[in-house]
Amino acid sequence: MEQDFEKLKISVRYWLQGKEWFKALEAMQFAESFHTGKRKDGSHEFSHQVSQVAYAKTLIKSLRYPEETICTIFLHDVCEDYDISYEEIEARFGKLVRDAVELMTKFHRGDKKDPNTYYKSMAKHEIASFAKGCDRIHNHYTMLNGFKPEKQKSYIAETYELIIPMLKEARRLFPSQEPAYENVKFMLANQMMLYTALTDITVATEN
């Protein structure tokens, strides 16, 4: 598993170098300096971000701000998990990335966002909405070995009740990104159907 992660990380790094997306490379280095531990399923903590970027890069032709989106995926947990300020994110990576990271942060320095407000706000931002979908795909992928059954059920329920509607709203607001949103929705729907088949989780899904 560790060897596969290192290979994927090298592949992503060289892809970014080939694109000459040096700001995204800086974001990758910055995020990796914090995400040094292990996830609940035993995988490297930074594999969460790297795996999402590996998926997102297949959809960059449908993204309005591809490099900024990659930056956001790398950075989306650093404020919540490591108390990095939004001001530092903006100084290093620009306001567009700062806004997306701030929207994706649920809890920061005593401020906890209401779930409904959290998702409605992300739906209005073309980077945060897509990046959150990528985040949930990877969370689904790793949760069987990392989450207890009740947590798995709550994640699936949240995906259906809040994330899918958010993606639909963002698709209407940012039609040029529709292919990317549809791909994310397709992945999430298939994951939910798979978990329904493999576990006692019961969810309603739609195309």
N, C-alpha and C. Protein backbone atom coordinates (compact mmCIF):
# COMPACT_ATOMS: atom_id res chain seq x y z
N MET A 1 0.83 -1.21 0.00
CA MET A 1 0.00 0.00 0.00
C MET A 1 0.87 1.26 0.00
N GLU A 2 1.90 1.28 0.85
CA GLU A 2 2.79 2.44 0.91
C GLU A 2 3.52 2.64 -0.40
N GLN A 3 3.95 1.55 -1.02
CA GLN A 3 4.65 1.64 -2.30
C GLN A 3 3.73 2.19 -3.39
N ASP A 4 2.48 1.74 -3.39
CA ASP A 4 1.51 2.25 -4.38
C ASP A 4 1.29 3.75 -4.19
N PHE A 5 1.21 4.17 -2.93
CA PHE A 5 1.02 5.60 -2.66
C PHE A 5 2.20 6.41 -3.16
N GLU A 6 3.41 5.94 -2.92
CA GLU A 6 4.60 6.68 -3.36
C GLU A 6 4.63 6.79 -4.88
N LYS A 7 4.26 5.71 -5.56
CA LYS A 7 4.23 5.75 -7.02
C LYS A 7 3.19 6.75 -7.53
N LEU A 8 2.03 6.74 -6.90
CA LEU A 8 0.97 7.67 -7.31
C LEU A 8 1.41 9.11 -7.05
N LYS A 9 2.04 9.34 -5.91
CA LYS A 9 2.50 10.69 -5.57
C LYS A 9 3.53 11.19 -6.58
N ILE A 10 4.45 10.33 -6.97
CA ILE A 10 5.46 10.70 -7.98
C ILE A 10 4.79 11.01 -9.31
N SER A 11 3.82 10.18 -9.68
CA SER A 11 3.10 10.39 -10.94
C SER A 11 2.38 11.74 -10.95
N VAL A 12 1.71 12.07 -9.86
CA VAL A 12 1.00 13.35 -9.76
C VAL A 12 1.98 14.50 -9.80
N ARG A 13 3.10 14.37 -9.10
CA ARG A 13 4.09 15.46 -9.08
C ARG A 13 4.64 15.73 -10.48
N TYR A 14 4.98 14.68 -11.20
CA TYR A 14 5.51 14.88 -12.55
C TYR A 14 4.46 15.41 -13.51
N TRP A 15 3.23 15.01 -13.31
CA TRP A 15 2.14 15.56 -14.13
C TRP A 15 2.02 17.07 -13.92
N LEU A 16 2.08 17.50 -12.66
CA LEU A 16 2.01 18.93 -12.37
C LEU A 16 3.20 19.68 -12.95
N GLN A 17 4.36 19.07 -12.88
CA GLN A 17 5.55 19.70 -13.47
C GLN A 17 5.40 19.84 -14.98
N GLY A 18 4.85 18.81 -15.60
CA GLY A 18 4.63 18.86 -17.04
C GLY A 18 3.64 19.94 -17.44
N LYS A 19 2.64 20.19 -16.58
CA LYS A 19 1.67 21.25 -16.84
C LYS A 19 2.23 22.64 -16.51
N GLU A 20 3.37 22.66 -15.84
CA GLU A 20 3.97 23.90 -15.32
C GLU A 20 3.02 24.60 -14.35
N TRP A 21 2.37 23.80 -13.54
CA TRP A 21 1.49 24.31 -12.50
C TRP A 21 2.27 24.38 -11.20
N PHE A 22 3.10 25.38 -11.10
CA PHE A 22 4.03 25.47 -9.98
C PHE A 22 3.33 25.86 -8.69
N LYS A 23 2.23 26.60 -8.80
CA LYS A 23 1.47 26.92 -7.60
C LYS A 23 0.85 25.65 -7.00
N ALA A 24 0.38 24.77 -7.86
CA ALA A 24 -0.17 23.49 -7.37
C ALA A 24 0.93 22.63 -6.75
N LEU A 25 2.12 22.66 -7.32
CA LEU A 25 3.24 21.94 -6.73
C LEU A 25 3.59 22.50 -5.35
N GLU A 26 3.50 23.81 -5.21
CA GLU A 26 3.74 24.42 -3.89
C GLU A 26 2.66 23.97 -2.90
N ALA A 27 1.42 23.91 -3.38
CA ALA A 27 0.33 23.46 -2.51
C ALA A 27 0.54 22.01 -2.09
N MET A 28 1.00 21.19 -3.02
CA MET A 28 1.27 19.79 -2.71
C MET A 28 2.34 19.68 -1.63
N GLN A 29 3.42 20.42 -1.79
CA GLN A 29 4.51 20.38 -0.81
C GLN A 29 4.05 20.90 0.54
N PHE A 30 3.29 22.00 0.52
CA PHE A 30 2.79 22.60 1.76
C PHE A 30 1.89 21.61 2.50
N ALA A 31 0.94 21.02 1.81
CA ALA A 31 0.01 20.10 2.45
C ALA A 31 0.71 18.84 2.95
N GLU A 32 1.65 18.33 2.17
CA GLU A 32 2.36 17.11 2.58
C GLU A 32 3.16 17.32 3.85
N SER A 33 3.63 18.54 4.09
CA SER A 33 4.41 18.81 5.30
C SER A 33 3.57 18.66 6.57
N PHE A 34 2.25 18.73 6.44
CA PHE A 34 1.36 18.57 7.59
C PHE A 34 0.77 17.16 7.67
N HIS A 35 0.39 16.61 6.53
CA HIS A 35 -0.29 15.32 6.51
C HIS A 35 0.74 14.18 6.52
N THR A 36 1.30 13.93 7.68
CA THR A 36 2.40 12.95 7.79
C THR A 36 2.00 11.67 8.53
N GLY A 37 0.78 11.61 9.04
CA GLY A 37 0.37 10.47 9.84
C GLY A 37 -0.34 9.39 9.02
N LYS A 38 -1.19 8.64 9.71
CA LYS A 38 -1.95 7.56 9.08
C LYS A 38 -3.44 7.85 9.19
N ARG A 39 -4.19 7.41 8.19
CA ARG A 39 -5.64 7.48 8.25
C ARG A 39 -6.19 6.32 9.06
N LYS A 40 -7.49 6.36 9.35
CA LYS A 40 -8.09 5.33 10.18
C LYS A 40 -8.03 3.95 9.54
N ASP A 41 -7.93 3.90 8.21
CA ASP A 41 -7.85 2.60 7.54
C ASP A 41 -6.40 2.12 7.42
N GLY A 42 -5.45 2.86 7.98
CA GLY A 42 -4.05 2.47 7.96
C GLY A 42 -3.24 3.04 6.81
N SER A 43 -3.90 3.71 5.87
CA SER A 43 -3.19 4.29 4.73
C SER A 43 -2.49 5.58 5.14
N HIS A 44 -1.54 6.00 4.33
CA HIS A 44 -0.85 7.26 4.59
C HIS A 44 -1.84 8.42 4.55
N GLU A 45 -1.73 9.33 5.50
CA GLU A 45 -2.69 10.43 5.59
C GLU A 45 -2.77 11.24 4.30
N PHE A 46 -1.62 11.49 3.68
CA PHE A 46 -1.59 12.34 2.48
C PHE A 46 -2.12 11.61 1.25
N SER A 47 -2.33 10.30 1.36
CA SER A 47 -2.92 9.57 0.23
C SER A 47 -4.34 10.07 -0.06
N HIS A 48 -4.99 10.62 0.95
CA HIS A 48 -6.34 11.17 0.77
C HIS A 48 -6.32 12.27 -0.29
N GLN A 49 -5.38 13.19 -0.16
CA GLN A 49 -5.29 14.29 -1.10
C GLN A 49 -4.75 13.84 -2.46
N VAL A 50 -3.72 13.04 -2.45
CA VAL A 50 -3.10 12.61 -3.71
C VAL A 50 -4.07 11.80 -4.55
N SER A 51 -4.83 10.93 -3.93
CA SER A 51 -5.80 10.12 -4.67
C SER A 51 -6.88 10.98 -5.30
N GLN A 52 -7.31 12.01 -4.58
CA GLN A 52 -8.32 12.91 -5.14
C GLN A 52 -7.79 13.68 -6.35
N VAL A 53 -6.54 14.12 -6.26
CA VAL A 53 -5.95 14.84 -7.39
C VAL A 53 -5.81 13.91 -8.60
N ALA A 54 -5.43 12.66 -8.35
CA ALA A 54 -5.29 11.70 -9.44
C ALA A 54 -6.63 11.50 -10.15
N TYR A 55 -7.72 11.54 -9.41
CA TYR A 55 -9.06 11.46 -10.02
C TYR A 55 -9.40 12.77 -10.72
N ALA A 56 -9.21 13.90 -10.04
CA ALA A 56 -9.61 15.19 -10.58
C ALA A 56 -8.88 15.53 -11.88
N LYS A 57 -7.64 15.07 -12.02
CA LYS A 57 -6.89 15.42 -13.22
C LYS A 57 -7.48 14.82 -14.48
N THR A 58 -8.32 13.80 -14.33
CA THR A 58 -8.98 13.21 -15.50
C THR A 58 -10.13 14.08 -15.99
N LEU A 59 -10.49 15.09 -15.21
CA LEU A 59 -11.65 15.94 -15.53
C LEU A 59 -11.28 17.40 -15.72
N ILE A 60 -10.00 17.70 -15.82
CA ILE A 60 -9.58 19.12 -15.81
C ILE A 60 -10.10 19.90 -17.01
N LYS A 61 -10.38 19.24 -18.12
CA LYS A 61 -10.89 19.96 -19.28
C LYS A 61 -12.29 20.55 -19.02
N SER A 62 -12.96 20.04 -18.00
CA SER A 62 -14.29 20.55 -17.67
C SER A 62 -14.28 21.53 -16.50
N LEU A 63 -13.10 21.87 -15.99
CA LEU A 63 -13.01 22.75 -14.83
C LEU A 63 -12.65 24.17 -15.26
N ARG A 64 -13.31 25.16 -14.68
CA ARG A 64 -13.05 26.55 -15.02
C ARG A 64 -11.68 27.01 -14.52
N TYR A 65 -11.30 26.55 -13.36
CA TYR A 65 -10.03 26.94 -12.75
C TYR A 65 -9.26 25.68 -12.34
N PRO A 66 -8.69 24.98 -13.30
CA PRO A 66 -8.12 23.67 -12.99
C PRO A 66 -6.97 23.70 -11.97
N GLU A 67 -6.01 24.62 -12.15
CA GLU A 67 -4.89 24.62 -11.20
C GLU A 67 -5.34 25.01 -9.80
N GLU A 68 -6.20 25.99 -9.70
CA GLU A 68 -6.71 26.40 -8.40
C GLU A 68 -7.53 25.29 -7.75
N THR A 69 -8.21 24.50 -8.56
CA THR A 69 -8.97 23.37 -8.03
C THR A 69 -8.03 22.33 -7.46
N ILE A 70 -6.94 22.05 -8.15
CA ILE A 70 -5.95 21.09 -7.64
C ILE A 70 -5.34 21.61 -6.34
N CYS A 71 -5.02 22.91 -6.29
CA CYS A 71 -4.50 23.50 -5.05
C CYS A 71 -5.48 23.28 -3.90
N THR A 72 -6.75 23.52 -4.16
CA THR A 72 -7.77 23.39 -3.12
C THR A 72 -7.87 21.95 -2.63
N ILE A 73 -7.81 21.00 -3.53
CA ILE A 73 -7.88 19.59 -3.11
C ILE A 73 -6.71 19.25 -2.20
N PHE A 74 -5.52 19.71 -2.52
CA PHE A 74 -4.38 19.47 -1.65
C PHE A 74 -4.56 20.12 -0.28
N LEU A 75 -5.16 21.30 -0.25
CA LEU A 75 -5.16 22.14 0.96
C LEU A 75 -6.44 22.06 1.78
N HIS A 76 -7.45 21.32 1.34
CA HIS A 76 -8.78 21.49 1.92
C HIS A 76 -8.89 21.11 3.39
N ASP A 77 -7.94 20.35 3.93
CA ASP A 77 -8.01 19.94 5.34
C ASP A 77 -7.05 20.69 6.26
N VAL A 78 -6.15 21.48 5.72
CA VAL A 78 -5.07 22.01 6.57
C VAL A 78 -5.56 23.04 7.59
N CYS A 79 -6.58 23.83 7.25
CA CYS A 79 -7.08 24.82 8.20
C CYS A 79 -7.83 24.15 9.35
N GLU A 80 -8.66 23.16 9.01
CA GLU A 80 -9.44 22.47 10.04
C GLU A 80 -8.57 21.56 10.90
N ASP A 81 -7.66 20.83 10.29
CA ASP A 81 -6.89 19.83 11.02
C ASP A 81 -5.62 20.37 11.65
N TYR A 82 -5.06 21.45 11.10
CA TYR A 82 -3.75 21.93 11.58
C TYR A 82 -3.74 23.42 11.90
N ASP A 83 -4.92 24.02 12.00
CA ASP A 83 -5.06 25.39 12.46
C ASP A 83 -4.29 26.40 11.62
N ILE A 84 -4.18 26.13 10.33
CA ILE A 84 -3.59 27.11 9.42
C ILE A 84 -4.61 28.22 9.18
N SER A 85 -4.17 29.46 9.16
CA SER A 85 -5.11 30.57 8.97
C SER A 85 -5.52 30.69 7.50
N TYR A 86 -6.72 31.20 7.29
CA TYR A 86 -7.16 31.47 5.92
C TYR A 86 -6.29 32.54 5.28
N GLU A 87 -5.79 33.46 6.09
CA GLU A 87 -4.93 34.52 5.57
C GLU A 87 -3.64 33.95 4.99
N GLU A 88 -3.10 32.93 5.64
CA GLU A 88 -1.88 32.32 5.11
C GLU A 88 -2.16 31.60 3.79
N ILE A 89 -3.29 30.93 3.71
CA ILE A 89 -3.65 30.27 2.45
C ILE A 89 -3.76 31.30 1.34
N GLU A 90 -4.40 32.43 1.61
CA GLU A 90 -4.54 33.47 0.59
C GLU A 90 -3.19 34.06 0.20
N ALA A 91 -2.33 34.30 1.18
CA ALA A 91 -1.02 34.89 0.88
C ALA A 91 -0.18 33.97 0.01
N ARG A 92 -0.31 32.67 0.23
CA ARG A 92 0.50 31.71 -0.51
C ARG A 92 -0.12 31.32 -1.85
N PHE A 93 -1.44 31.20 -1.89
CA PHE A 93 -2.08 30.57 -3.05
C PHE A 93 -3.19 31.39 -3.71
N GLY A 94 -3.48 32.56 -3.19
CA GLY A 94 -4.45 33.43 -3.83
C GLY A 94 -5.84 33.36 -3.21
N LYS A 95 -6.64 34.39 -3.50
CA LYS A 95 -7.96 34.49 -2.88
C LYS A 95 -8.93 33.42 -3.35
N LEU A 96 -8.86 33.02 -4.61
CA LEU A 96 -9.77 32.00 -5.12
C LEU A 96 -9.61 30.69 -4.36
N VAL A 97 -8.36 30.31 -4.12
CA VAL A 97 -8.09 29.08 -3.35
C VAL A 97 -8.49 29.27 -1.90
N ARG A 98 -8.16 30.43 -1.34
CA ARG A 98 -8.53 30.70 0.05
C ARG A 98 -10.04 30.57 0.25
N ASP A 99 -10.82 31.18 -0.66
CA ASP A 99 -12.28 31.13 -0.53
C ASP A 99 -12.78 29.69 -0.59
N ALA A 100 -12.22 28.90 -1.51
CA ALA A 100 -12.66 27.50 -1.65
C ALA A 100 -12.31 26.69 -0.41
N VAL A 101 -11.09 26.86 0.09
CA VAL A 101 -10.67 26.13 1.30
C VAL A 101 -11.51 26.55 2.49
N GLU A 102 -11.79 27.84 2.61
CA GLU A 102 -12.61 28.31 3.73
C GLU A 102 -14.01 27.72 3.66
N LEU A 103 -14.58 27.67 2.47
CA LEU A 103 -15.91 27.09 2.31
C LEU A 103 -15.93 25.61 2.66
N MET A 104 -14.83 24.90 2.39
CA MET A 104 -14.77 23.46 2.66
C MET A 104 -14.44 23.13 4.11
N THR A 105 -14.04 24.12 4.88
CA THR A 105 -13.65 23.90 6.27
C THR A 105 -14.88 23.95 7.17
N LYS A 106 -15.17 22.85 7.86
CA LYS A 106 -16.37 22.78 8.71
C LYS A 106 -16.16 23.43 10.06
N PHE A 107 -14.95 23.31 10.60
CA PHE A 107 -14.67 23.80 11.96
C PHE A 107 -13.31 24.46 11.97
N HIS A 108 -13.27 25.69 12.48
CA HIS A 108 -11.98 26.40 12.51
C HIS A 108 -11.99 27.43 13.63
N ARG A 109 -11.06 27.25 14.55
CA ARG A 109 -10.85 28.22 15.63
C ARG A 109 -12.15 28.58 16.35
N GLY A 110 -12.89 27.54 16.72
CA GLY A 110 -14.11 27.71 17.49
C GLY A 110 -15.37 27.95 16.69
N ASP A 111 -15.23 28.11 15.39
CA ASP A 111 -16.40 28.37 14.53
C ASP A 111 -16.81 27.07 13.84
N LYS A 112 -17.97 26.54 14.20
CA LYS A 112 -18.51 25.32 13.59
C LYS A 112 -19.70 25.68 12.73
N LYS A 113 -19.65 25.25 11.46
CA LYS A 113 -20.69 25.63 10.51
C LYS A 113 -21.89 24.70 10.59
N ASP A 114 -23.07 25.26 10.41
CA ASP A 114 -24.29 24.47 10.28
C ASP A 114 -24.22 23.66 8.99
N PRO A 115 -24.52 22.36 9.02
CA PRO A 115 -24.37 21.52 7.83
C PRO A 115 -25.14 22.03 6.61
N ASN A 116 -26.37 22.46 6.79
CA ASN A 116 -27.15 22.93 5.64
C ASN A 116 -26.54 24.18 5.03
N THR A 117 -26.14 25.11 5.88
CA THR A 117 -25.49 26.32 5.39
C THR A 117 -24.17 25.99 4.71
N TYR A 118 -23.45 25.05 5.30
CA TYR A 118 -22.14 24.62 4.77
C TYR A 118 -22.27 24.14 3.32
N TYR A 119 -23.21 23.27 3.06
CA TYR A 119 -23.35 22.73 1.71
C TYR A 119 -23.98 23.73 0.74
N LYS A 120 -24.90 24.53 1.21
CA LYS A 120 -25.50 25.54 0.34
C LYS A 120 -24.47 26.58 -0.09
N SER A 121 -23.56 26.92 0.80
CA SER A 121 -22.51 27.88 0.46
C SER A 121 -21.54 27.30 -0.56
N MET A 122 -21.17 26.03 -0.39
CA MET A 122 -20.25 25.41 -1.34
C MET A 122 -20.87 25.29 -2.72
N ALA A 123 -22.18 25.10 -2.80
CA ALA A 123 -22.84 24.97 -4.09
C ALA A 123 -22.66 26.22 -4.95
N LYS A 124 -22.42 27.35 -4.32
CA LYS A 124 -22.29 28.62 -5.04
C LYS A 124 -20.84 28.91 -5.46
N HIS A 125 -19.96 27.96 -5.23
CA HIS A 125 -18.55 28.16 -5.59
C HIS A 125 -18.09 27.01 -6.48
N GLU A 126 -17.59 27.36 -7.66
CA GLU A 126 -17.27 26.33 -8.65
C GLU A 126 -16.12 25.42 -8.25
N ILE A 127 -15.22 25.90 -7.41
CA ILE A 127 -14.10 25.05 -6.97
C ILE A 127 -14.50 24.21 -5.77
N ALA A 128 -15.05 24.85 -4.74
CA ALA A 128 -15.39 24.13 -3.51
C ALA A 128 -16.40 23.01 -3.76
N SER A 129 -17.39 23.26 -4.61
CA SER A 129 -18.43 22.25 -4.86
C SER A 129 -17.84 21.00 -5.50
N PHE A 130 -16.99 21.19 -6.51
CA PHE A 130 -16.38 20.03 -7.16
C PHE A 130 -15.40 19.33 -6.23
N ALA A 131 -14.57 20.10 -5.53
CA ALA A 131 -13.56 19.50 -4.64
C ALA A 131 -14.22 18.71 -3.52
N LYS A 132 -15.36 19.20 -3.01
CA LYS A 132 -16.06 18.45 -1.97
C LYS A 132 -16.58 17.12 -2.50
N GLY A 133 -17.03 17.11 -3.74
CA GLY A 133 -17.45 15.84 -4.34
C GLY A 133 -16.30 14.85 -4.42
N CYS A 134 -15.13 15.33 -4.83
CA CYS A 134 -13.93 14.47 -4.88
C CYS A 134 -13.58 13.94 -3.50
N ASP A 135 -13.68 14.81 -2.51
CA ASP A 135 -13.39 14.44 -1.13
C ASP A 135 -14.30 13.31 -0.67
N ARG A 136 -15.59 13.43 -0.99
CA ARG A 136 -16.53 12.41 -0.53
C ARG A 136 -16.32 11.08 -1.27
N ILE A 137 -15.96 11.12 -2.53
CA ILE A 137 -15.66 9.88 -3.25
C ILE A 137 -14.56 9.10 -2.53
N HIS A 138 -13.50 9.79 -2.16
CA HIS A 138 -12.39 9.09 -1.49
C HIS A 138 -12.78 8.65 -0.08
N ASN A 139 -13.58 9.45 0.62
CA ASN A 139 -14.05 9.03 1.93
C ASN A 139 -14.89 7.75 1.84
N HIS A 140 -15.75 7.69 0.85
CA HIS A 140 -16.52 6.46 0.63
C HIS A 140 -15.58 5.28 0.37
N TYR A 141 -14.59 5.53 -0.45
CA TYR A 141 -13.68 4.46 -0.86
C TYR A 141 -12.94 3.83 0.33
N THR A 142 -12.62 4.65 1.33
CA THR A 142 -11.80 4.17 2.44
C THR A 142 -12.59 3.89 3.72
N MET A 143 -13.89 4.16 3.75
CA MET A 143 -14.57 4.13 5.04
C MET A 143 -14.87 2.73 5.58
N LEU A 144 -14.95 1.72 4.71
CA LEU A 144 -15.26 0.38 5.21
C LEU A 144 -14.22 -0.12 6.20
N ASN A 145 -12.97 0.21 5.97
CA ASN A 145 -11.91 -0.22 6.87
C ASN A 145 -11.55 0.82 7.91
N GLY A 146 -12.18 1.99 7.85
CA GLY A 146 -11.81 3.06 8.76
C GLY A 146 -12.91 3.57 9.67
N PHE A 147 -14.18 3.35 9.28
CA PHE A 147 -15.30 3.88 10.05
C PHE A 147 -16.13 2.75 10.65
N LYS A 148 -16.72 3.01 11.79
CA LYS A 148 -17.68 2.08 12.38
C LYS A 148 -18.97 2.12 11.57
N PRO A 149 -19.79 1.07 11.66
CA PRO A 149 -21.01 1.01 10.84
C PRO A 149 -21.90 2.24 10.96
N GLU A 150 -22.06 2.78 12.16
CA GLU A 150 -22.93 3.95 12.33
C GLU A 150 -22.37 5.16 11.59
N LYS A 151 -21.06 5.32 11.62
CA LYS A 151 -20.42 6.41 10.89
C LYS A 151 -20.59 6.23 9.39
N GLN A 152 -20.48 4.99 8.93
CA GLN A 152 -20.67 4.71 7.51
C GLN A 152 -22.10 5.09 7.09
N LYS A 153 -23.07 4.74 7.91
CA LYS A 153 -24.45 5.06 7.59
C LYS A 153 -24.67 6.57 7.53
N SER A 154 -24.06 7.29 8.46
CA SER A 154 -24.25 8.74 8.48
C SER A 154 -23.59 9.38 7.26
N TYR A 155 -22.47 8.83 6.83
CA TYR A 155 -21.80 9.37 5.64
C TYR A 155 -22.65 9.15 4.39
N ILE A 156 -23.21 7.97 4.27
CA ILE A 156 -24.05 7.67 3.11
C ILE A 156 -25.29 8.56 3.11
N ALA A 157 -25.90 8.72 4.28
CA ALA A 157 -27.09 9.58 4.39
C ALA A 157 -26.75 11.02 4.03
N GLU A 158 -25.61 11.50 4.51
CA GLU A 158 -25.19 12.87 4.21
C GLU A 158 -24.94 13.05 2.72
N THR A 159 -24.36 12.05 2.10
CA THR A 159 -24.10 12.13 0.66
C THR A 159 -25.40 12.28 -0.11
N TYR A 160 -26.37 11.46 0.24
CA TYR A 160 -27.64 11.50 -0.48
C TYR A 160 -28.43 12.78 -0.18
N GLU A 161 -28.46 13.18 1.08
CA GLU A 161 -29.33 14.29 1.49
C GLU A 161 -28.72 15.66 1.24
N LEU A 162 -27.38 15.77 1.25
CA LEU A 162 -26.75 17.08 1.17
C LEU A 162 -25.76 17.23 0.02
N ILE A 163 -24.94 16.21 -0.22
CA ILE A 163 -23.90 16.37 -1.23
C ILE A 163 -24.46 16.27 -2.64
N ILE A 164 -25.30 15.29 -2.90
CA ILE A 164 -25.89 15.17 -4.24
C ILE A 164 -26.70 16.42 -4.61
N PRO A 165 -27.57 16.94 -3.71
CA PRO A 165 -28.25 18.20 -4.04
C PRO A 165 -27.29 19.37 -4.26
N MET A 166 -26.20 19.43 -3.50
CA MET A 166 -25.21 20.48 -3.71
C MET A 166 -24.62 20.41 -5.11
N LEU A 167 -24.27 19.20 -5.54
CA LEU A 167 -23.69 19.02 -6.87
C LEU A 167 -24.69 19.40 -7.97
N LYS A 168 -25.95 19.09 -7.76
CA LYS A 168 -26.98 19.45 -8.74
C LYS A 168 -27.14 20.96 -8.84
N GLU A 169 -27.12 21.64 -7.69
CA GLU A 169 -27.23 23.09 -7.69
C GLU A 169 -26.02 23.73 -8.37
N ALA A 170 -24.83 23.23 -8.05
CA ALA A 170 -23.61 23.76 -8.67
C ALA A 170 -23.60 23.52 -10.17
N ARG A 171 -24.12 22.41 -10.59
CA ARG A 171 -24.21 22.11 -12.02
C ARG A 171 -25.05 23.13 -12.75
N ARG A 172 -26.12 23.59 -12.10
CA ARG A 172 -26.97 24.62 -12.72
C ARG A 172 -26.27 25.98 -12.73
N LEU A 173 -25.53 26.27 -11.67
CA LEU A 173 -24.87 27.57 -11.57
C LEU A 173 -23.63 27.68 -12.47
N PHE A 174 -22.97 26.53 -12.68
CA PHE A 174 -21.72 26.52 -13.46
C PHE A 174 -21.82 25.46 -14.56
N PRO A 175 -22.64 25.73 -15.60
CA PRO A 175 -22.92 24.71 -16.62
C PRO A 175 -21.68 24.24 -17.38
N SER A 176 -20.65 25.06 -17.47
CA SER A 176 -19.45 24.61 -18.18
C SER A 176 -18.76 23.46 -17.45
N GLN A 177 -19.05 23.30 -16.16
CA GLN A 177 -18.46 22.20 -15.38
C GLN A 177 -19.39 20.99 -15.28
N GLU A 178 -20.50 21.01 -16.01
CA GLU A 178 -21.48 19.93 -15.89
C GLU A 178 -20.87 18.54 -16.10
N PRO A 179 -19.99 18.32 -17.10
CA PRO A 179 -19.42 16.97 -17.24
C PRO A 179 -18.67 16.50 -15.99
N ALA A 180 -17.99 17.43 -15.33
CA ALA A 180 -17.26 17.06 -14.11
C ALA A 180 -18.23 16.71 -12.98
N TYR A 181 -19.26 17.53 -12.80
CA TYR A 181 -20.25 17.24 -11.76
C TYR A 181 -20.97 15.92 -12.02
N GLU A 182 -21.30 15.66 -13.27
CA GLU A 182 -22.00 14.42 -13.59
C GLU A 182 -21.12 13.20 -13.32
N ASN A 183 -19.83 13.33 -13.59
CA ASN A 183 -18.91 12.23 -13.30
C ASN A 183 -18.85 11.96 -11.80
N VAL A 184 -18.76 13.03 -11.01
CA VAL A 184 -18.72 12.87 -9.56
C VAL A 184 -20.01 12.23 -9.05
N LYS A 185 -21.15 12.71 -9.54
CA LYS A 185 -22.42 12.14 -9.13
C LYS A 185 -22.52 10.67 -9.49
N PHE A 186 -22.06 10.31 -10.68
CA PHE A 186 -22.07 8.92 -11.11
C PHE A 186 -21.22 8.05 -10.18
N MET A 187 -20.04 8.53 -9.84
CA MET A 187 -19.17 7.78 -8.93
C MET A 187 -19.82 7.60 -7.57
N LEU A 188 -20.38 8.67 -7.03
CA LEU A 188 -21.01 8.59 -5.71
C LEU A 188 -22.21 7.65 -5.72
N ALA A 189 -23.04 7.74 -6.75
CA ALA A 189 -24.22 6.87 -6.83
C ALA A 189 -23.82 5.41 -6.89
N ASN A 190 -22.80 5.10 -7.67
CA ASN A 190 -22.33 3.72 -7.76
C ASN A 190 -21.76 3.23 -6.43
N GLN A 191 -21.04 4.11 -5.75
CA GLN A 191 -20.51 3.72 -4.44
C GLN A 191 -21.65 3.42 -3.46
N MET A 192 -22.67 4.26 -3.45
CA MET A 192 -23.77 4.04 -2.52
C MET A 192 -24.52 2.74 -2.83
N MET A 193 -24.69 2.44 -4.10
CA MET A 193 -25.34 1.18 -4.46
C MET A 193 -24.48 -0.01 -4.05
N LEU A 194 -23.16 0.13 -4.19
CA LEU A 194 -22.26 -0.96 -3.80
C LEU A 194 -22.32 -1.19 -2.29
N TYR A 195 -22.31 -0.13 -1.50
CA TYR A 195 -22.39 -0.29 -0.05
C TYR A 195 -23.72 -0.88 0.37
N THR A 196 -24.77 -0.55 -0.34
CA THR A 196 -26.06 -1.14 -0.05
C THR A 196 -26.02 -2.65 -0.26
N ALA A 197 -25.31 -3.08 -1.30
CA ALA A 197 -25.21 -4.51 -1.60
C ALA A 197 -24.29 -5.23 -0.61
N LEU A 198 -23.25 -4.56 -0.13
CA LEU A 198 -22.24 -5.21 0.70
C LEU A 198 -22.54 -5.16 2.19
N THR A 199 -23.37 -4.19 2.61
CA THR A 199 -23.63 -4.01 4.04
C THR A 199 -25.12 -3.92 4.27
N ASP A 200 -25.48 -3.61 5.52
CA ASP A 200 -26.90 -3.43 5.83
C ASP A 200 -27.31 -1.98 5.68
N ILE A 201 -26.47 -1.15 5.07
CA ILE A 201 -26.83 0.24 4.83
C ILE A 201 -27.89 0.30 3.75
N THR A 202 -28.97 0.99 4.01
CA THR A 202 -30.03 1.14 3.03
C THR A 202 -30.14 2.62 2.66
N VAL A 203 -29.96 2.92 1.38
CA VAL A 203 -30.07 4.32 0.94
C VAL A 203 -30.89 4.37 -0.33
N ALA A 204 -31.45 5.51 -0.59
CA ALA A 204 -32.14 5.75 -1.86
C ALA A 204 -31.17 6.48 -2.77
N THR A 205 -31.06 6.03 -4.00
CA THR A 205 -30.19 6.69 -4.96
C THR A 205 -30.98 7.01 -6.21
N GLU A 206 -30.44 7.95 -6.99
CA GLU A 206 -31.10 8.31 -8.24
C GLU A 206 -30.03 8.65 -9.25
N ASN A 207 -30.40 8.63 -10.52
CA ASN A 207 -29.46 8.95 -11.58
C ASN A 207 -29.25 10.45 -11.67
